[in-house]
Structures are given as structure tokens and as C-alpha cells.
Amino acid sequence: MSLTDTTYSFSDSERLLVEYLRWRERPNHAPSVVPLLAWGCAIWSLVDFGTPEGRMWGWDPNVRCLEHALFPEDFTLAERLCGWLDGRDDFPEAPTPPDCPDC
């Protein structure tokens, strides 16, 4: 996602600040969690700048209810960036839904 320019992008996302403000409107959204990448089909990768290591989070409302669509991923921002440089996508994969009738 671009910080300022939306004329050249790889997704239909707005500038980072606009997307971040949209995420902040969600109930119980931590202000330190910032959207980083839109994968398409409403799936996102987010980074938590409130953690020293930059914990990554995934969002996938297609396989879980909205209450459980946000889930921690097993890597940090540095590991995500190194993965991209190495050619790995590391698509966010939601763990098995909790015991929730809506998931």
C-alpha cells in the first residue's frame, strides 16, 4: 500500500492513512495495528506497531465470523519483509475457528 500515491498500486486500496482510519472504525480495533497489505477477497495482513518485534496479524472474514476474523500470524514484520525478498508470499491462513457457531 502506498503512503501517499494511489495512481500506481497493486490493489484497489486507498492510501495507507485512509485504510488505517477505516480499520480504526471497527469495534475493538487496537490503534497500534496498521493494515499493510490487501491480498484481495477482503483478506489483509496487518502489523502491530505496539509490539517491539512488529507482530503480524491476518484478517480473513471468508473463513471465520467477523468477531474472529482477525488472528495472529506466526511471524514478525521483519520476517514478512524477508519472505517477500526471498519470493515467499506467506498468505495469511486463519487457524481452525474457535468453538463458535458463527465461524
C-alpha atoms as a PDB file:
ATOM      1  CA  MET A   1       0.000   0.000   0.000  1.00  0.00           C
ATOM      2  CA  SER A   2       1.193   3.468  -0.785  1.00  0.00           C
ATOM      3  CA  LEU A   3       1.676   6.103   1.862  1.00  0.00           C
ATOM      4  CA  THR A   4       0.651   8.908  -0.494  1.00  0.00           C
ATOM      5  CA  ASP A   5       0.218   7.948  -4.161  1.00  0.00           C
ATOM      6  CA  THR A   6      -2.677   5.808  -5.379  1.00  0.00           C
ATOM      7  CA  THR A   7      -2.004   6.094  -9.116  1.00  0.00           C
ATOM      8  CA  TYR A   8       0.373   3.121  -9.095  1.00  0.00           C
ATOM      9  CA  SER A   9      -0.664   0.304  -6.833  1.00  0.00           C
ATOM     10  CA  PHE A  10      -1.154  -3.428  -6.799  1.00  0.00           C
ATOM     11  CA  SER A  11      -4.556  -3.333  -5.134  1.00  0.00           C
ATOM     12  CA  ASP A  12      -7.737  -1.309  -5.004  1.00  0.00           C
ATOM     13  CA  SER A  13      -6.773   0.028  -1.590  1.00  0.00           C
ATOM     14  CA  GLU A  14      -6.664   3.663  -0.694  1.00  0.00           C
ATOM     15  CA  ARG A  15      -3.599   5.364   0.734  1.00  0.00           C
ATOM     16  CA  LEU A  16      -2.338   3.803   3.945  1.00  0.00           C
ATOM     17  CA  LEU A  17      -3.732   6.558   6.166  1.00  0.00           C
ATOM     18  CA  VAL A  18      -7.227   6.223   4.674  1.00  0.00           C
ATOM     19  CA  GLU A  19      -7.211   2.440   5.123  1.00  0.00           C
ATOM     20  CA  TYR A  20      -5.870   2.776   8.662  1.00  0.00           C
ATOM     21  CA  LEU A  21      -8.661   5.180   9.601  1.00  0.00           C
ATOM     22  CA  ARG A  22     -11.223   2.725   8.191  1.00  0.00           C
ATOM     23  CA  TRP A  23      -9.767  -0.051  10.340  1.00  0.00           C
ATOM     24  CA  ARG A  24      -9.905   2.221  13.408  1.00  0.00           C
ATOM     25  CA  GLU A  25     -13.682   2.465  12.958  1.00  0.00           C
ATOM     26  CA  ARG A  26     -14.039  -1.256  13.666  1.00  0.00           C
ATOM     27  CA  PRO A  27     -15.105  -2.193  17.184  1.00  0.00           C
ATOM     28  CA  ASN A  28     -12.235  -3.244  19.477  1.00  0.00           C
ATOM     29  CA  HIS A  29      -9.540  -2.405  16.912  1.00  0.00           C
ATOM     30  CA  ALA A  30      -6.229  -1.645  18.597  1.00  0.00           C
ATOM     31  CA  PRO A  31      -4.794   1.702  17.403  1.00  0.00           C
ATOM     32  CA  SER A  32      -1.314   0.164  17.065  1.00  0.00           C
ATOM     33  CA  VAL A  33      -2.470  -2.353  14.417  1.00  0.00           C
ATOM     34  CA  VAL A  34      -1.961  -0.955  10.903  1.00  0.00           C
ATOM     35  CA  PRO A  35      -3.014  -2.524   7.574  1.00  0.00           C
ATOM     36  CA  LEU A  36      -0.019  -3.428   5.465  1.00  0.00           C
ATOM     37  CA  LEU A  37      -1.208  -5.490   2.512  1.00  0.00           C
ATOM     38  CA  ALA A  38      -4.529  -6.244   0.841  1.00  0.00           C
ATOM     39  CA  TRP A  39      -4.443  -9.744  -0.655  1.00  0.00           C
ATOM     40  CA  GLY A  40      -7.860  -9.422  -2.319  1.00  0.00           C
ATOM     41  CA  CYS A  41     -11.158 -11.072  -1.377  1.00  0.00           C
ATOM     42  CA  ALA A  42     -11.225  -8.992   1.861  1.00  0.00           C
ATOM     43  CA  ILE A  43      -8.062 -10.713   3.170  1.00  0.00           C
ATOM     44  CA  TRP A  44      -5.432  -8.487   4.799  1.00  0.00           C
ATOM     45  CA  SER A  45      -2.086  -8.604   6.537  1.00  0.00           C
ATOM     46  CA  LEU A  46      -1.634  -6.093   9.354  1.00  0.00           C
ATOM     47  CA  VAL A  47       1.299  -5.177  11.572  1.00  0.00           C
ATOM     48  CA  ASP A  48       1.133  -4.314  15.263  1.00  0.00           C
ATOM     49  CA  PHE A  49       3.493  -1.412  15.866  1.00  0.00           C
ATOM     50  CA  GLY A  50       2.673  -1.649  19.578  1.00  0.00           C
ATOM     51  CA  THR A  51       4.884  -4.740  19.858  1.00  0.00           C
ATOM     52  CA  PRO A  52       8.696  -4.460  19.817  1.00  0.00           C
ATOM     53  CA  GLU A  53       9.025  -7.090  17.092  1.00  0.00           C
ATOM     54  CA  GLY A  54       6.147  -5.875  14.885  1.00  0.00           C
ATOM     55  CA  ARG A  55       3.819  -8.864  15.316  1.00  0.00           C
ATOM     56  CA  MET A  56       1.877  -9.668  12.131  1.00  0.00           C
ATOM     57  CA  TRP A  57      -1.877 -10.271  12.065  1.00  0.00           C
ATOM     58  CA  GLY A  58      -4.133 -11.708   9.398  1.00  0.00           C
ATOM     59  CA  TRP A  59      -7.735 -10.788   8.599  1.00  0.00           C
ATOM     60  CA  ASP A  60      -9.949 -13.232   6.725  1.00  0.00           C
ATOM     61  CA  PRO A  61     -13.721 -12.822   7.088  1.00  0.00           C
ATOM     62  CA  ASN A  62     -14.283 -15.531   4.475  1.00  0.00           C
ATOM     63  CA  VAL A  63     -13.448 -18.447   6.777  1.00  0.00           C
ATOM     64  CA  ARG A  64     -14.416 -17.003  10.163  1.00  0.00           C
ATOM     65  CA  CYS A  65     -17.091 -14.728  11.612  1.00  0.00           C
ATOM     66  CA  LEU A  66     -16.221 -11.027  11.930  1.00  0.00           C
ATOM     67  CA  GLU A  67     -15.596 -11.396  15.649  1.00  0.00           C
ATOM     68  CA  HIS A  68     -12.827 -13.958  14.961  1.00  0.00           C
ATOM     69  CA  ALA A  69     -11.635 -12.812  11.509  1.00  0.00           C
ATOM     70  CA  LEU A  70      -8.533 -11.146  12.997  1.00  0.00           C
ATOM     71  CA  PHE A  71      -5.873 -13.659  14.045  1.00  0.00           C
ATOM     72  CA  PRO A  72      -2.171 -13.566  14.971  1.00  0.00           C
ATOM     73  CA  GLU A  73       0.281 -14.839  12.410  1.00  0.00           C
ATOM     74  CA  ASP A  74       3.415 -16.810  13.253  1.00  0.00           C
ATOM     75  CA  PHE A  75       5.940 -14.186  12.151  1.00  0.00           C
ATOM     76  CA  THR A  76       7.067 -10.600  12.585  1.00  0.00           C
ATOM     77  CA  LEU A  77       7.242  -7.669  10.187  1.00  0.00           C
ATOM     78  CA  ALA A  78      10.955  -8.321   9.612  1.00  0.00           C
ATOM     79  CA  GLU A  79      10.220 -11.964   8.762  1.00  0.00           C
ATOM     80  CA  ARG A  80       7.386 -10.882   6.430  1.00  0.00           C
ATOM     81  CA  LEU A  81       9.690  -8.460   4.589  1.00  0.00           C
ATOM     82  CA  CYS A  82      12.490 -11.042   4.325  1.00  0.00           C
ATOM     83  CA  GLY A  83       9.948 -13.515   2.959  1.00  0.00           C
ATOM     84  CA  TRP A  84       8.935 -11.065   0.242  1.00  0.00           C
ATOM     85  CA  LEU A  85      12.589 -10.508  -0.677  1.00  0.00           C
ATOM     86  CA  ASP A  86      13.063 -14.286  -0.857  1.00  0.00           C
ATOM     87  CA  GLY A  87       9.998 -14.658  -3.093  1.00  0.00           C
ATOM     88  CA  ARG A  88       7.666 -16.193  -0.498  1.00  0.00           C
ATOM     89  CA  ASP A  89       4.096 -14.944  -0.247  1.00  0.00           C
ATOM     90  CA  ASP A  90       3.204 -16.330   3.206  1.00  0.00           C
ATOM     91  CA  PHE A  91      -0.507 -15.856   2.561  1.00  0.00           C
ATOM     92  CA  PRO A  92      -2.420 -15.357   5.843  1.00  0.00           C
ATOM     93  CA  GLU A  93      -4.018 -18.634   6.873  1.00  0.00           C
ATOM     94  CA  ALA A  94      -6.572 -18.482   9.643  1.00  0.00           C
ATOM     95  CA  PRO A  95      -6.186 -21.195  12.259  1.00  0.00           C
ATOM     96  CA  THR A  96      -9.031 -23.584  12.942  1.00  0.00           C
ATOM     97  CA  PRO A  97     -12.034 -21.498  14.038  1.00  0.00           C
ATOM     98  CA  PRO A  98     -12.776 -21.481  17.750  1.00  0.00           C
ATOM     99  CA  ASP A  99     -15.826 -23.203  19.096  1.00  0.00           C
ATOM    100  CA  CYS A 100     -18.094 -20.541  17.613  1.00  0.00           C
ATOM    101  CA  PRO A 101     -21.391 -21.317  15.873  1.00  0.00           C
ATOM    102  CA  ASP A 102     -20.929 -18.333  13.535  1.00  0.00           C
ATOM    103  CA  CYS A 103     -17.451 -19.325  12.301  1.00  0.00           C
END
